[in-house]
Structures are given as C-alpha cells and as structure tokens.
Amino acid sequence: MSKKGKFIVFEGVDGSGKTTISRMLQEKLEALDVPIHHTCEPTRNPVGSLIRQIITRQVSTNEQTIGALFLADRLDHIQHPDYGMLQYLESGNHVISDRYYYSSYAYHVPHLSMDWVIEANQLCADLLRPDIVFFLDIPVEVTLKRISDNRNENDLFETEERLTQVRNNYQEAIRRQGKLDNVVIIDAQGTIDQVFKQILAKTAEMLDLSL
C-alpha cells in the first residue's frame, strides 16, 4: 500500500465530544484546502447497521455471529472499492474516523472476549494502522450530562453502569496494548472549544500546517 494521507482516529465513550470535535477538525482542514474524508465505524452499510443495533441492544445475538459481523464490517470499512478508507489514503486524502480501533475493544467486549478482539484488530492493523489516535477521556457523570443536554430521546440506551463499563474497557485495552506512540490521551472535561484547540495543535504538527 502506498499510503499518501494520514489516518486520524477519534475514540471515547458516547458524550465525550469525539464526533463533534472530529467534524470540527474536518471543517477546519477543508477550509485550508486540505483533502479530508470523514467516516465512522460501524459503517452505515447493512452489516454496520446491524452491529449498531446489537451495540444498542435492539437486537440480541451470540458471540459467533457478532464476531463474524464485526470482522466483515471492519474489513469492508478498510478495503471497500467505493468507500473504503484505503482508497482515500492512497489518493492523498487524510482520513478522519470517528471510532475505529479501541472502540472495538470497548463496545464489543460484552459480546466477545477481549483476547478475540485484540487478535482481530492486530490482523486489521496490518492493513491499516492509525497514524494517530486521539482518545478523549472523561468522567462518566460528565458524559451523561452532555448526552441528556443534547439529545431529545426519552429512552437513552446509555446508562451510568454501561458507560462506566465501556470506559473501563477502554482503559483495560490501552493497558493491555502497552504504551503506543500513536495514542494521545486527551483530558476532555473542558469545553468543546478547549479540547478542539489541543486536537488542532497536534494535528497541525503532524500534517506540518501553519495555523
């Protein structure tokens, strides 16, 4: 693979601000005429949509099924000839992904063993490893307040117990992987603008941009 662009990933529990900030980064770089592709995992294709239903507990399944779905969606997200990330990177676009690597550990562990997910991710990393992962860490009580303030749904699937477990899974995944030079842990308790400034500075350094 002749990857010309940089692969930038945002991770964090729901309510951490990762989607908003990744979109802000996309808009900022596009305004500077930097070629950007924004994507998300699970994908919006039928397999990814089913995974989303499983994560939100609208659909129940067994470990064997979720494992096959997870791996199929990940490989599709990387290699699909129409919307796969590799084609964008090879053509010189930088790719921003809202969820990719660590979220696989954090959100799938209720269905799969962490050992299985780590092994699957190592296989996929041979195809595409992020250049940088911004992990937005934040206390669960702060994310719950943000979610309740910014969503209209009455029945949120995110609960304190669930988000606490997902955050713990993230921390366990990072611990088990050891210190990785492409992972930057961001304290996301400040305002969205404050967190974005940290992200923008690191991205500008990586892409050699003058901001």
N, C-alpha and C. Protein backbone atom coordinates (compact mmCIF):
# COMPACT_ATOMS: atom_id res chain seq x y z
N MET A 1 0.85 -1.20 0.00
CA MET A 1 0.00 0.00 0.00
C MET A 1 0.88 1.25 0.00
N SER A 2 0.61 2.17 -0.92
CA SER A 2 1.33 3.44 -0.96
C SER A 2 0.44 4.51 -0.34
N LYS A 3 0.42 4.55 0.98
CA LYS A 3 -0.46 5.48 1.70
C LYS A 3 0.14 6.88 1.68
N LYS A 4 -0.58 7.82 1.07
CA LYS A 4 -0.10 9.20 0.96
C LYS A 4 -0.69 10.10 2.04
N GLY A 5 -1.92 9.78 2.48
CA GLY A 5 -2.57 10.60 3.50
C GLY A 5 -2.33 10.05 4.89
N LYS A 6 -2.73 10.83 5.89
CA LYS A 6 -2.64 10.42 7.29
C LYS A 6 -3.99 9.91 7.77
N PHE A 7 -3.95 8.89 8.63
CA PHE A 7 -5.14 8.27 9.17
C PHE A 7 -5.29 8.71 10.62
N ILE A 8 -6.32 9.52 10.90
CA ILE A 8 -6.54 10.13 12.21
C ILE A 8 -7.81 9.54 12.81
N VAL A 9 -7.71 9.02 14.04
CA VAL A 9 -8.83 8.34 14.68
C VAL A 9 -9.21 9.04 15.97
N PHE A 10 -10.52 9.14 16.22
CA PHE A 10 -11.05 9.65 17.48
C PHE A 10 -11.73 8.53 18.24
N GLU A 11 -11.41 8.39 19.52
CA GLU A 11 -12.02 7.38 20.37
C GLU A 11 -12.51 8.02 21.66
N GLY A 12 -13.50 7.39 22.28
CA GLY A 12 -14.02 7.86 23.56
C GLY A 12 -15.45 7.41 23.74
N VAL A 13 -15.91 7.42 24.97
CA VAL A 13 -17.29 7.00 25.23
C VAL A 13 -18.26 7.99 24.62
N ASP A 14 -19.50 7.55 24.39
CA ASP A 14 -20.53 8.46 23.90
C ASP A 14 -20.65 9.64 24.87
N GLY A 15 -20.71 10.84 24.33
CA GLY A 15 -20.79 12.03 25.16
C GLY A 15 -19.44 12.68 25.42
N SER A 16 -18.36 12.05 24.94
CA SER A 16 -17.03 12.63 25.16
C SER A 16 -16.77 13.81 24.23
N GLY A 17 -17.56 13.92 23.18
CA GLY A 17 -17.39 15.02 22.22
C GLY A 17 -16.62 14.62 20.99
N LYS A 18 -16.28 13.33 20.85
CA LYS A 18 -15.40 12.92 19.75
C LYS A 18 -16.02 13.18 18.38
N THR A 19 -17.34 12.97 18.23
CA THR A 19 -17.96 13.17 16.93
C THR A 19 -17.97 14.65 16.56
N THR A 20 -18.37 15.48 17.52
CA THR A 20 -18.39 16.94 17.28
C THR A 20 -17.00 17.46 16.94
N ILE A 21 -16.00 17.06 17.72
CA ILE A 21 -14.65 17.57 17.52
C ILE A 21 -14.05 17.04 16.23
N SER A 22 -14.33 15.78 15.88
CA SER A 22 -13.80 15.25 14.62
C SER A 22 -14.40 16.00 13.44
N ARG A 23 -15.67 16.38 13.54
CA ARG A 23 -16.31 17.16 12.47
C ARG A 23 -15.73 18.58 12.42
N MET A 24 -15.45 19.15 13.58
CA MET A 24 -14.82 20.48 13.62
C MET A 24 -13.45 20.44 12.95
N LEU A 25 -12.70 19.37 13.20
CA LEU A 25 -11.38 19.23 12.58
C LEU A 25 -11.52 19.09 11.07
N GLN A 26 -12.49 18.31 10.64
CA GLN A 26 -12.74 18.17 9.21
C GLN A 26 -13.02 19.52 8.57
N GLU A 27 -13.91 20.29 9.17
CA GLU A 27 -14.28 21.59 8.62
C GLU A 27 -13.10 22.55 8.60
N LYS A 28 -12.28 22.54 9.64
CA LYS A 28 -11.13 23.42 9.71
C LYS A 28 -10.13 23.09 8.61
N LEU A 29 -9.85 21.80 8.42
CA LEU A 29 -8.88 21.40 7.41
C LEU A 29 -9.41 21.63 6.00
N GLU A 30 -10.70 21.39 5.79
CA GLU A 30 -11.29 21.67 4.49
C GLU A 30 -11.20 23.15 4.14
N ALA A 31 -11.36 24.00 5.14
CA ALA A 31 -11.26 25.44 4.91
C ALA A 31 -9.84 25.84 4.48
N LEU A 32 -8.87 25.00 4.84
CA LEU A 32 -7.48 25.23 4.43
C LEU A 32 -7.12 24.48 3.16
N ASP A 33 -8.14 23.93 2.49
CA ASP A 33 -7.97 23.17 1.25
C ASP A 33 -7.15 21.90 1.44
N VAL A 34 -7.24 21.35 2.66
CA VAL A 34 -6.61 20.06 2.93
C VAL A 34 -7.61 18.97 2.56
N PRO A 35 -7.25 18.02 1.71
CA PRO A 35 -8.20 16.97 1.31
C PRO A 35 -8.52 16.02 2.46
N ILE A 36 -9.81 15.93 2.82
CA ILE A 36 -10.25 15.18 4.00
C ILE A 36 -11.42 14.26 3.65
N HIS A 37 -11.39 13.07 4.21
CA HIS A 37 -12.54 12.16 4.16
C HIS A 37 -12.91 11.81 5.59
N HIS A 38 -14.18 12.01 5.97
CA HIS A 38 -14.65 11.69 7.32
C HIS A 38 -15.51 10.45 7.26
N THR A 39 -15.27 9.52 8.18
CA THR A 39 -16.01 8.27 8.18
C THR A 39 -16.22 7.81 9.63
N CYS A 40 -16.90 6.69 9.78
CA CYS A 40 -17.23 6.21 11.12
C CYS A 40 -17.39 4.69 11.10
N GLU A 41 -17.04 4.08 12.19
CA GLU A 41 -17.26 2.65 12.36
C GLU A 41 -18.11 2.42 13.60
N PRO A 42 -19.09 1.50 13.58
CA PRO A 42 -19.51 0.66 12.47
C PRO A 42 -20.02 1.51 11.29
N THR A 43 -19.92 0.96 10.10
CA THR A 43 -20.33 1.69 8.91
C THR A 43 -21.85 1.79 8.84
N ARG A 44 -22.33 2.52 7.82
CA ARG A 44 -23.77 2.66 7.61
C ARG A 44 -24.32 1.61 6.64
N ASN A 45 -23.47 0.68 6.22
CA ASN A 45 -23.97 -0.37 5.34
C ASN A 45 -24.79 -1.37 6.17
N PRO A 46 -25.44 -2.35 5.53
CA PRO A 46 -26.32 -3.26 6.29
C PRO A 46 -25.64 -3.98 7.45
N VAL A 47 -24.39 -4.42 7.25
CA VAL A 47 -23.68 -5.11 8.34
C VAL A 47 -23.41 -4.16 9.49
N GLY A 48 -22.92 -2.96 9.15
CA GLY A 48 -22.64 -1.97 10.19
C GLY A 48 -23.90 -1.55 10.93
N SER A 49 -24.99 -1.41 10.20
CA SER A 49 -26.25 -1.03 10.83
C SER A 49 -26.72 -2.10 11.81
N LEU A 50 -26.53 -3.36 11.45
CA LEU A 50 -26.90 -4.44 12.36
C LEU A 50 -26.02 -4.42 13.61
N ILE A 51 -24.74 -4.15 13.43
CA ILE A 51 -23.85 -4.06 14.59
C ILE A 51 -24.31 -2.94 15.52
N ARG A 52 -24.72 -1.80 14.95
CA ARG A 52 -25.22 -0.70 15.78
C ARG A 52 -26.45 -1.13 16.59
N GLN A 53 -27.31 -1.92 15.98
CA GLN A 53 -28.49 -2.40 16.70
C GLN A 53 -28.10 -3.36 17.82
N ILE A 54 -27.05 -4.12 17.61
CA ILE A 54 -26.58 -5.03 18.66
C ILE A 54 -25.95 -4.24 19.80
N ILE A 55 -25.14 -3.24 19.46
CA ILE A 55 -24.50 -2.42 20.48
C ILE A 55 -25.55 -1.71 21.34
N THR A 56 -26.61 -1.23 20.72
CA THR A 56 -27.67 -0.53 21.45
C THR A 56 -28.72 -1.47 22.00
N ARG A 57 -28.47 -2.76 21.87
CA ARG A 57 -29.30 -3.80 22.46
C ARG A 57 -30.71 -3.85 21.88
N GLN A 58 -30.86 -3.39 20.66
CA GLN A 58 -32.14 -3.55 19.96
C GLN A 58 -32.26 -4.96 19.39
N VAL A 59 -31.11 -5.58 19.14
CA VAL A 59 -31.06 -6.93 18.59
C VAL A 59 -30.11 -7.75 19.45
N SER A 60 -30.50 -8.95 19.77
CA SER A 60 -29.62 -9.84 20.54
C SER A 60 -29.02 -10.89 19.61
N THR A 61 -27.83 -11.36 19.94
CA THR A 61 -27.16 -12.34 19.10
C THR A 61 -26.19 -13.14 19.94
N ASN A 62 -25.45 -14.03 19.30
CA ASN A 62 -24.45 -14.81 20.03
C ASN A 62 -23.05 -14.35 19.64
N GLU A 63 -22.05 -14.86 20.35
CA GLU A 63 -20.68 -14.42 20.13
C GLU A 63 -20.20 -14.73 18.73
N GLN A 64 -20.57 -15.90 18.21
CA GLN A 64 -20.10 -16.30 16.89
C GLN A 64 -20.60 -15.34 15.82
N THR A 65 -21.86 -14.92 15.93
CA THR A 65 -22.45 -14.02 14.93
C THR A 65 -21.84 -12.63 15.01
N ILE A 66 -21.75 -12.05 16.21
CA ILE A 66 -21.20 -10.70 16.32
C ILE A 66 -19.74 -10.67 15.90
N GLY A 67 -19.01 -11.76 16.16
CA GLY A 67 -17.62 -11.82 15.73
C GLY A 67 -17.49 -11.76 14.22
N ALA A 68 -18.32 -12.53 13.53
CA ALA A 68 -18.27 -12.54 12.06
C ALA A 68 -18.69 -11.18 11.50
N LEU A 69 -19.73 -10.57 12.09
CA LEU A 69 -20.19 -9.26 11.63
C LEU A 69 -19.13 -8.19 11.85
N PHE A 70 -18.53 -8.21 13.03
CA PHE A 70 -17.51 -7.22 13.37
C PHE A 70 -16.35 -7.26 12.38
N LEU A 71 -15.84 -8.46 12.12
CA LEU A 71 -14.68 -8.57 11.25
C LEU A 71 -15.05 -8.20 9.81
N ALA A 72 -16.23 -8.61 9.35
CA ALA A 72 -16.67 -8.27 7.99
C ALA A 72 -16.80 -6.76 7.82
N ASP A 73 -17.38 -6.09 8.81
CA ASP A 73 -17.57 -4.64 8.72
C ASP A 73 -16.23 -3.91 8.76
N ARG A 74 -15.32 -4.37 9.62
CA ARG A 74 -14.00 -3.74 9.70
C ARG A 74 -13.25 -3.85 8.38
N LEU A 75 -13.23 -5.03 7.78
CA LEU A 75 -12.52 -5.21 6.52
C LEU A 75 -13.18 -4.42 5.40
N ASP A 76 -14.51 -4.35 5.41
CA ASP A 76 -15.24 -3.55 4.42
C ASP A 76 -14.90 -2.06 4.58
N HIS A 77 -14.85 -1.62 5.80
CA HIS A 77 -14.52 -0.23 6.11
C HIS A 77 -13.13 0.14 5.59
N ILE A 78 -12.22 -0.81 5.62
CA ILE A 78 -10.86 -0.56 5.16
C ILE A 78 -10.75 -0.67 3.65
N GLN A 79 -11.31 -1.73 3.07
CA GLN A 79 -10.96 -2.11 1.71
C GLN A 79 -12.04 -1.91 0.65
N HIS A 80 -13.26 -1.55 1.01
CA HIS A 80 -14.34 -1.46 0.01
C HIS A 80 -13.91 -0.53 -1.14
N PRO A 81 -14.13 -0.95 -2.40
CA PRO A 81 -13.65 -0.15 -3.53
C PRO A 81 -14.34 1.19 -3.69
N ASP A 82 -15.53 1.37 -3.11
CA ASP A 82 -16.25 2.64 -3.25
C ASP A 82 -16.04 3.57 -2.06
N TYR A 83 -16.09 3.05 -0.83
CA TYR A 83 -15.99 3.92 0.33
C TYR A 83 -14.95 3.46 1.35
N GLY A 84 -14.15 2.47 1.02
CA GLY A 84 -13.11 2.02 1.94
C GLY A 84 -12.06 3.09 2.18
N MET A 85 -11.49 3.10 3.37
CA MET A 85 -10.54 4.15 3.74
C MET A 85 -9.25 4.09 2.95
N LEU A 86 -8.81 2.89 2.58
CA LEU A 86 -7.53 2.76 1.87
C LEU A 86 -7.50 3.55 0.57
N GLN A 87 -8.60 3.52 -0.19
CA GLN A 87 -8.60 4.21 -1.47
C GLN A 87 -8.42 5.72 -1.28
N TYR A 88 -9.01 6.27 -0.21
CA TYR A 88 -8.86 7.70 0.06
C TYR A 88 -7.43 8.03 0.46
N LEU A 89 -6.85 7.20 1.32
CA LEU A 89 -5.48 7.43 1.76
C LEU A 89 -4.48 7.30 0.62
N GLU A 90 -4.70 6.34 -0.24
CA GLU A 90 -3.80 6.13 -1.37
C GLU A 90 -3.87 7.27 -2.38
N SER A 91 -5.04 7.95 -2.44
CA SER A 91 -5.19 9.06 -3.38
C SER A 91 -4.74 10.39 -2.79
N GLY A 92 -4.27 10.38 -1.54
CA GLY A 92 -3.73 11.59 -0.94
C GLY A 92 -4.63 12.29 0.04
N ASN A 93 -5.83 11.76 0.27
CA ASN A 93 -6.71 12.33 1.28
C ASN A 93 -6.23 11.93 2.68
N HIS A 94 -6.44 12.80 3.64
CA HIS A 94 -6.32 12.43 5.04
C HIS A 94 -7.69 11.91 5.48
N VAL A 95 -7.70 10.85 6.26
CA VAL A 95 -8.95 10.23 6.69
C VAL A 95 -9.13 10.43 8.19
N ILE A 96 -10.29 10.98 8.57
CA ILE A 96 -10.67 11.12 9.98
C ILE A 96 -11.77 10.10 10.26
N SER A 97 -11.55 9.23 11.22
CA SER A 97 -12.55 8.22 11.56
C SER A 97 -13.02 8.42 13.00
N ASP A 98 -14.32 8.54 13.17
CA ASP A 98 -14.94 8.62 14.48
C ASP A 98 -15.24 7.18 14.92
N ARG A 99 -14.37 6.63 15.74
CA ARG A 99 -14.36 5.22 16.17
C ARG A 99 -13.64 4.35 15.14
N TYR A 100 -12.75 3.56 15.65
CA TYR A 100 -12.10 2.59 14.78
C TYR A 100 -11.43 1.50 15.60
N TYR A 101 -10.38 1.84 16.32
CA TYR A 101 -9.53 0.79 16.88
C TYR A 101 -9.92 0.40 18.30
N TYR A 102 -9.80 1.34 19.22
CA TYR A 102 -10.10 0.99 20.62
C TYR A 102 -11.58 0.75 20.86
N SER A 103 -12.44 1.40 20.08
CA SER A 103 -13.87 1.19 20.30
C SER A 103 -14.25 -0.26 20.08
N SER A 104 -13.46 -0.96 19.26
CA SER A 104 -13.73 -2.38 19.06
C SER A 104 -13.58 -3.15 20.36
N TYR A 105 -12.58 -2.78 21.14
CA TYR A 105 -12.43 -3.41 22.45
C TYR A 105 -13.59 -3.00 23.36
N ALA A 106 -13.79 -1.70 23.44
CA ALA A 106 -14.67 -1.16 24.48
C ALA A 106 -16.12 -1.56 24.30
N TYR A 107 -16.61 -1.51 23.07
CA TYR A 107 -18.03 -1.73 22.84
C TYR A 107 -18.39 -3.18 22.53
N HIS A 108 -17.40 -3.97 22.12
CA HIS A 108 -17.71 -5.35 21.76
C HIS A 108 -17.40 -6.35 22.86
N VAL A 109 -16.68 -5.95 23.87
CA VAL A 109 -16.33 -6.89 24.93
C VAL A 109 -17.54 -7.55 25.59
N PRO A 110 -18.71 -6.86 25.72
CA PRO A 110 -19.88 -7.57 26.27
C PRO A 110 -20.29 -8.79 25.43
N HIS A 111 -19.89 -8.81 24.15
CA HIS A 111 -20.29 -9.89 23.26
C HIS A 111 -19.13 -10.84 22.93
N LEU A 112 -17.92 -10.33 22.97
CA LEU A 112 -16.74 -11.10 22.59
C LEU A 112 -15.67 -10.95 23.66
N SER A 113 -14.79 -11.93 23.75
CA SER A 113 -13.68 -11.80 24.69
C SER A 113 -12.70 -10.74 24.17
N MET A 114 -12.06 -10.02 25.09
CA MET A 114 -11.09 -9.02 24.67
C MET A 114 -9.93 -9.67 23.93
N ASP A 115 -9.57 -10.90 24.29
CA ASP A 115 -8.50 -11.59 23.58
C ASP A 115 -8.84 -11.74 22.10
N TRP A 116 -10.11 -12.10 21.81
CA TRP A 116 -10.52 -12.29 20.42
C TRP A 116 -10.45 -10.97 19.67
N VAL A 117 -10.95 -9.90 20.28
CA VAL A 117 -10.98 -8.60 19.61
C VAL A 117 -9.57 -8.09 19.36
N ILE A 118 -8.66 -8.26 20.33
CA ILE A 118 -7.28 -7.84 20.15
C ILE A 118 -6.64 -8.58 18.98
N GLU A 119 -6.87 -9.88 18.91
CA GLU A 119 -6.30 -10.66 17.81
C GLU A 119 -6.85 -10.20 16.46
N ALA A 120 -8.17 -9.95 16.39
CA ALA A 120 -8.76 -9.48 15.14
C ALA A 120 -8.22 -8.11 14.75
N ASN A 121 -8.07 -7.23 15.74
CA ASN A 121 -7.56 -5.89 15.45
C ASN A 121 -6.10 -5.92 14.98
N GLN A 122 -5.33 -6.85 15.52
CA GLN A 122 -3.94 -6.95 15.07
C GLN A 122 -3.86 -7.37 13.61
N LEU A 123 -4.77 -8.25 13.20
CA LEU A 123 -4.83 -8.64 11.79
C LEU A 123 -5.19 -7.43 10.92
N CYS A 124 -6.19 -6.66 11.36
CA CYS A 124 -6.64 -5.50 10.58
C CYS A 124 -5.58 -4.39 10.58
N ALA A 125 -4.80 -4.29 11.65
CA ALA A 125 -3.76 -3.26 11.72
C ALA A 125 -2.69 -3.49 10.67
N ASP A 126 -2.52 -4.73 10.22
CA ASP A 126 -1.58 -4.99 9.14
C ASP A 126 -2.04 -4.34 7.85
N LEU A 127 -3.36 -4.16 7.71
CA LEU A 127 -3.90 -3.48 6.53
C LEU A 127 -3.89 -1.97 6.71
N LEU A 128 -4.27 -1.52 7.92
CA LEU A 128 -4.37 -0.08 8.15
C LEU A 128 -4.25 0.21 9.64
N ARG A 129 -3.15 0.84 9.99
CA ARG A 129 -2.90 1.24 11.38
C ARG A 129 -3.01 2.76 11.46
N PRO A 130 -3.73 3.30 12.44
CA PRO A 130 -3.85 4.75 12.55
C PRO A 130 -2.49 5.43 12.74
N ASP A 131 -2.33 6.59 12.12
CA ASP A 131 -1.13 7.40 12.37
C ASP A 131 -1.21 8.04 13.74
N ILE A 132 -2.43 8.40 14.15
CA ILE A 132 -2.61 8.97 15.48
C ILE A 132 -4.03 8.66 15.96
N VAL A 133 -4.15 8.31 17.23
CA VAL A 133 -5.44 8.07 17.86
C VAL A 133 -5.61 9.08 18.98
N PHE A 134 -6.62 9.93 18.87
CA PHE A 134 -6.98 10.84 19.96
C PHE A 134 -8.01 10.14 20.83
N PHE A 135 -7.61 9.79 22.05
CA PHE A 135 -8.54 9.17 22.98
C PHE A 135 -9.03 10.24 23.95
N LEU A 136 -10.31 10.61 23.84
CA LEU A 136 -10.90 11.65 24.67
C LEU A 136 -11.44 11.02 25.95
N ASP A 137 -10.69 11.16 27.02
CA ASP A 137 -11.08 10.55 28.29
C ASP A 137 -11.86 11.55 29.12
N ILE A 138 -12.90 11.05 29.81
CA ILE A 138 -13.80 11.95 30.52
C ILE A 138 -14.60 11.16 31.54
N PRO A 139 -14.87 11.73 32.72
CA PRO A 139 -15.69 11.02 33.71
C PRO A 139 -17.10 10.75 33.18
N VAL A 140 -17.66 9.63 33.59
CA VAL A 140 -18.96 9.21 33.09
C VAL A 140 -20.05 10.21 33.43
N GLU A 141 -19.99 10.81 34.63
CA GLU A 141 -21.06 11.73 35.01
C GLU A 141 -21.10 12.95 34.09
N VAL A 142 -19.94 13.35 33.55
CA VAL A 142 -19.90 14.48 32.62
C VAL A 142 -20.53 14.09 31.28
N THR A 143 -20.21 12.87 30.81
CA THR A 143 -20.80 12.43 29.55
C THR A 143 -22.31 12.27 29.65
N LEU A 144 -22.79 11.78 30.77
CA LEU A 144 -24.24 11.62 30.94
C LEU A 144 -24.94 12.97 30.89
N LYS A 145 -24.34 13.98 31.50
CA LYS A 145 -24.95 15.32 31.46
C LYS A 145 -24.96 15.86 30.03
N ARG A 146 -23.85 15.67 29.32
CA ARG A 146 -23.80 16.14 27.94
C ARG A 146 -24.85 15.44 27.08
N ILE A 147 -24.98 14.13 27.28
CA ILE A 147 -25.95 13.37 26.49
C ILE A 147 -27.37 13.86 26.78
N SER A 148 -27.70 14.02 28.04
CA SER A 148 -29.06 14.44 28.41
C SER A 148 -29.35 15.86 27.96
N ASP A 149 -28.31 16.71 27.89
CA ASP A 149 -28.50 18.09 27.45
C ASP A 149 -28.64 18.23 25.94
N ASN A 150 -28.14 17.25 25.20
CA ASN A 150 -28.04 17.40 23.75
C ASN A 150 -28.85 16.40 22.94
N ARG A 151 -29.62 15.57 23.60
CA ARG A 151 -30.44 14.61 22.86
C ARG A 151 -31.90 14.76 23.24
N ASN A 152 -32.75 14.42 22.29
CA ASN A 152 -34.19 14.56 22.51
C ASN A 152 -34.86 13.26 22.92
N GLU A 153 -34.17 12.13 22.72
CA GLU A 153 -34.79 10.85 23.03
C GLU A 153 -35.08 10.73 24.52
N ASN A 154 -36.22 10.17 24.84
CA ASN A 154 -36.57 9.97 26.25
C ASN A 154 -35.89 8.74 26.83
N ASP A 155 -35.75 7.72 26.00
CA ASP A 155 -35.16 6.46 26.47
C ASP A 155 -33.76 6.32 25.90
N LEU A 156 -32.76 6.77 26.62
CA LEU A 156 -31.38 6.66 26.18
C LEU A 156 -30.83 5.30 26.58
N PHE A 157 -30.13 4.65 25.63
CA PHE A 157 -29.57 3.35 25.99
C PHE A 157 -28.32 3.50 26.85
N GLU A 158 -27.72 4.70 26.82
CA GLU A 158 -26.55 4.92 27.66
C GLU A 158 -26.99 5.09 29.12
N THR A 159 -26.44 4.29 29.98
CA THR A 159 -26.69 4.40 31.42
C THR A 159 -25.35 4.57 32.11
N GLU A 160 -25.38 4.99 33.35
CA GLU A 160 -24.14 5.16 34.10
C GLU A 160 -23.37 3.83 34.17
N GLU A 161 -24.10 2.75 34.40
CA GLU A 161 -23.44 1.44 34.50
C GLU A 161 -22.77 1.06 33.19
N ARG A 162 -23.50 1.26 32.09
CA ARG A 162 -22.96 0.87 30.78
C ARG A 162 -21.76 1.73 30.39
N LEU A 163 -21.88 3.04 30.55
CA LEU A 163 -20.78 3.92 30.17
C LEU A 163 -19.56 3.70 31.05
N THR A 164 -19.78 3.40 32.32
CA THR A 164 -18.66 3.09 33.21
C THR A 164 -17.92 1.85 32.73
N GLN A 165 -18.69 0.83 32.33
CA GLN A 165 -18.06 -0.40 31.84
C GLN A 165 -17.29 -0.15 30.55
N VAL A 166 -17.87 0.64 29.64
CA VAL A 166 -17.18 0.94 28.38
C VAL A 166 -15.89 1.71 28.65
N ARG A 167 -15.94 2.69 29.55
CA ARG A 167 -14.73 3.45 29.88
C ARG A 167 -13.68 2.54 30.49
N ASN A 168 -14.11 1.64 31.37
CA ASN A 168 -13.17 0.68 31.96
C ASN A 168 -12.56 -0.22 30.89
N ASN A 169 -13.39 -0.59 29.91
CA ASN A 169 -12.88 -1.43 28.82
C ASN A 169 -11.83 -0.69 28.01
N TYR A 170 -12.06 0.59 27.73
CA TYR A 170 -11.06 1.40 27.04
C TYR A 170 -9.74 1.38 27.81
N GLN A 171 -9.82 1.65 29.10
CA GLN A 171 -8.61 1.73 29.91
C GLN A 171 -7.89 0.38 29.96
N GLU A 172 -8.67 -0.70 30.03
CA GLU A 172 -8.08 -2.04 30.03
C GLU A 172 -7.41 -2.34 28.69
N ALA A 173 -8.05 -1.93 27.60
CA ALA A 173 -7.48 -2.16 26.28
C ALA A 173 -6.15 -1.45 26.11
N ILE A 174 -6.10 -0.18 26.53
CA ILE A 174 -4.86 0.59 26.42
C ILE A 174 -3.78 -0.04 27.30
N ARG A 175 -4.16 -0.46 28.51
CA ARG A 175 -3.19 -1.08 29.42
C ARG A 175 -2.62 -2.35 28.81
N ARG A 176 -3.47 -3.16 28.22
CA ARG A 176 -3.03 -4.43 27.66
C ARG A 176 -2.19 -4.26 26.40
N GLN A 177 -2.42 -3.18 25.68
CA GLN A 177 -1.63 -2.93 24.48
C GLN A 177 -0.28 -2.31 24.81
N GLY A 178 -0.15 -1.79 26.04
CA GLY A 178 1.09 -1.14 26.41
C GLY A 178 1.15 0.27 25.86
N LYS A 179 2.27 0.93 26.05
CA LYS A 179 2.43 2.31 25.59
C LYS A 179 2.60 2.33 24.08
N LEU A 180 1.68 3.00 23.40
CA LEU A 180 1.74 3.10 21.95
C LEU A 180 2.04 4.54 21.56
N ASP A 181 3.01 4.70 20.67
CA ASP A 181 3.44 6.06 20.33
C ASP A 181 2.43 6.81 19.48
N ASN A 182 1.42 6.11 18.94
CA ASN A 182 0.44 6.80 18.11
C ASN A 182 -0.85 7.13 18.87
N VAL A 183 -0.87 6.93 20.20
CA VAL A 183 -2.06 7.20 21.00
C VAL A 183 -1.81 8.44 21.87
N VAL A 184 -2.72 9.42 21.75
CA VAL A 184 -2.64 10.63 22.57
C VAL A 184 -3.90 10.69 23.43
N ILE A 185 -3.73 10.63 24.74
CA ILE A 185 -4.87 10.70 25.66
C ILE A 185 -5.15 12.16 25.98
N ILE A 186 -6.37 12.59 25.71
CA ILE A 186 -6.78 13.98 25.90
C ILE A 186 -7.76 14.06 27.07
N ASP A 187 -7.52 14.99 27.99
CA ASP A 187 -8.48 15.26 29.05
C ASP A 187 -9.61 16.09 28.44
N ALA A 188 -10.79 15.46 28.29
CA ALA A 188 -11.89 16.09 27.56
C ALA A 188 -12.93 16.73 28.49
N GLN A 189 -12.54 17.06 29.72
CA GLN A 189 -13.51 17.64 30.65
C GLN A 189 -13.79 19.11 30.37
N GLY A 190 -12.92 19.78 29.63
CA GLY A 190 -13.14 21.19 29.33
C GLY A 190 -14.24 21.38 28.29
N THR A 191 -14.38 22.59 27.82
CA THR A 191 -15.36 22.86 26.78
C THR A 191 -14.92 22.23 25.47
N ILE A 192 -15.85 22.08 24.56
CA ILE A 192 -15.53 21.52 23.25
C ILE A 192 -14.45 22.35 22.56
N ASP A 193 -14.55 23.67 22.65
CA ASP A 193 -13.55 24.54 22.01
C ASP A 193 -12.17 24.34 22.63
N GLN A 194 -12.11 24.18 23.94
CA GLN A 194 -10.82 23.98 24.60
C GLN A 194 -10.17 22.67 24.17
N VAL A 195 -10.98 21.63 24.10
CA VAL A 195 -10.46 20.33 23.68
C VAL A 195 -10.04 20.38 22.21
N PHE A 196 -10.84 21.06 21.40
CA PHE A 196 -10.54 21.16 19.98
C PHE A 196 -9.20 21.84 19.73
N LYS A 197 -8.87 22.85 20.51
CA LYS A 197 -7.59 23.54 20.35
C LYS A 197 -6.42 22.60 20.56
N GLN A 198 -6.54 21.69 21.53
CA GLN A 198 -5.48 20.70 21.75
C GLN A 198 -5.35 19.77 20.53
N ILE A 199 -6.50 19.32 20.04
CA ILE A 199 -6.51 18.41 18.89
C ILE A 199 -5.92 19.10 17.66
N LEU A 200 -6.33 20.34 17.44
CA LEU A 200 -5.89 21.08 16.26
C LEU A 200 -4.39 21.31 16.28
N ALA A 201 -3.85 21.63 17.44
CA ALA A 201 -2.41 21.87 17.56
C ALA A 201 -1.62 20.60 17.22
N LYS A 202 -2.07 19.47 17.75
CA LYS A 202 -1.37 18.21 17.48
C LYS A 202 -1.50 17.81 16.01
N THR A 203 -2.67 18.03 15.43
CA THR A 203 -2.88 17.69 14.03
C THR A 203 -2.04 18.57 13.12
N ALA A 204 -1.97 19.87 13.44
CA ALA A 204 -1.16 20.79 12.64
C ALA A 204 0.30 20.39 12.67
N GLU A 205 0.76 19.93 13.83
CA GLU A 205 2.14 19.46 13.96
C GLU A 205 2.37 18.22 13.09
N MET A 206 1.41 17.30 13.13
CA MET A 206 1.55 16.06 12.36
C MET A 206 1.52 16.30 10.86
N LEU A 207 0.64 17.21 10.42
CA LEU A 207 0.47 17.48 8.99
C LEU A 207 1.38 18.61 8.49
N ASP A 208 2.17 19.17 9.41
CA ASP A 208 3.09 20.26 9.07
C ASP A 208 2.33 21.46 8.48
N LEU A 209 1.30 21.90 9.23
CA LEU A 209 0.49 23.03 8.81
C LEU A 209 0.79 24.25 9.67
N SER A 210 0.70 25.42 9.08
CA SER A 210 0.84 26.66 9.83
C SER A 210 -0.57 27.20 10.09
N LEU A 211 -0.96 27.24 11.38
CA LEU A 211 -2.32 27.69 11.74
C LEU A 211 -2.23 28.97 12.55
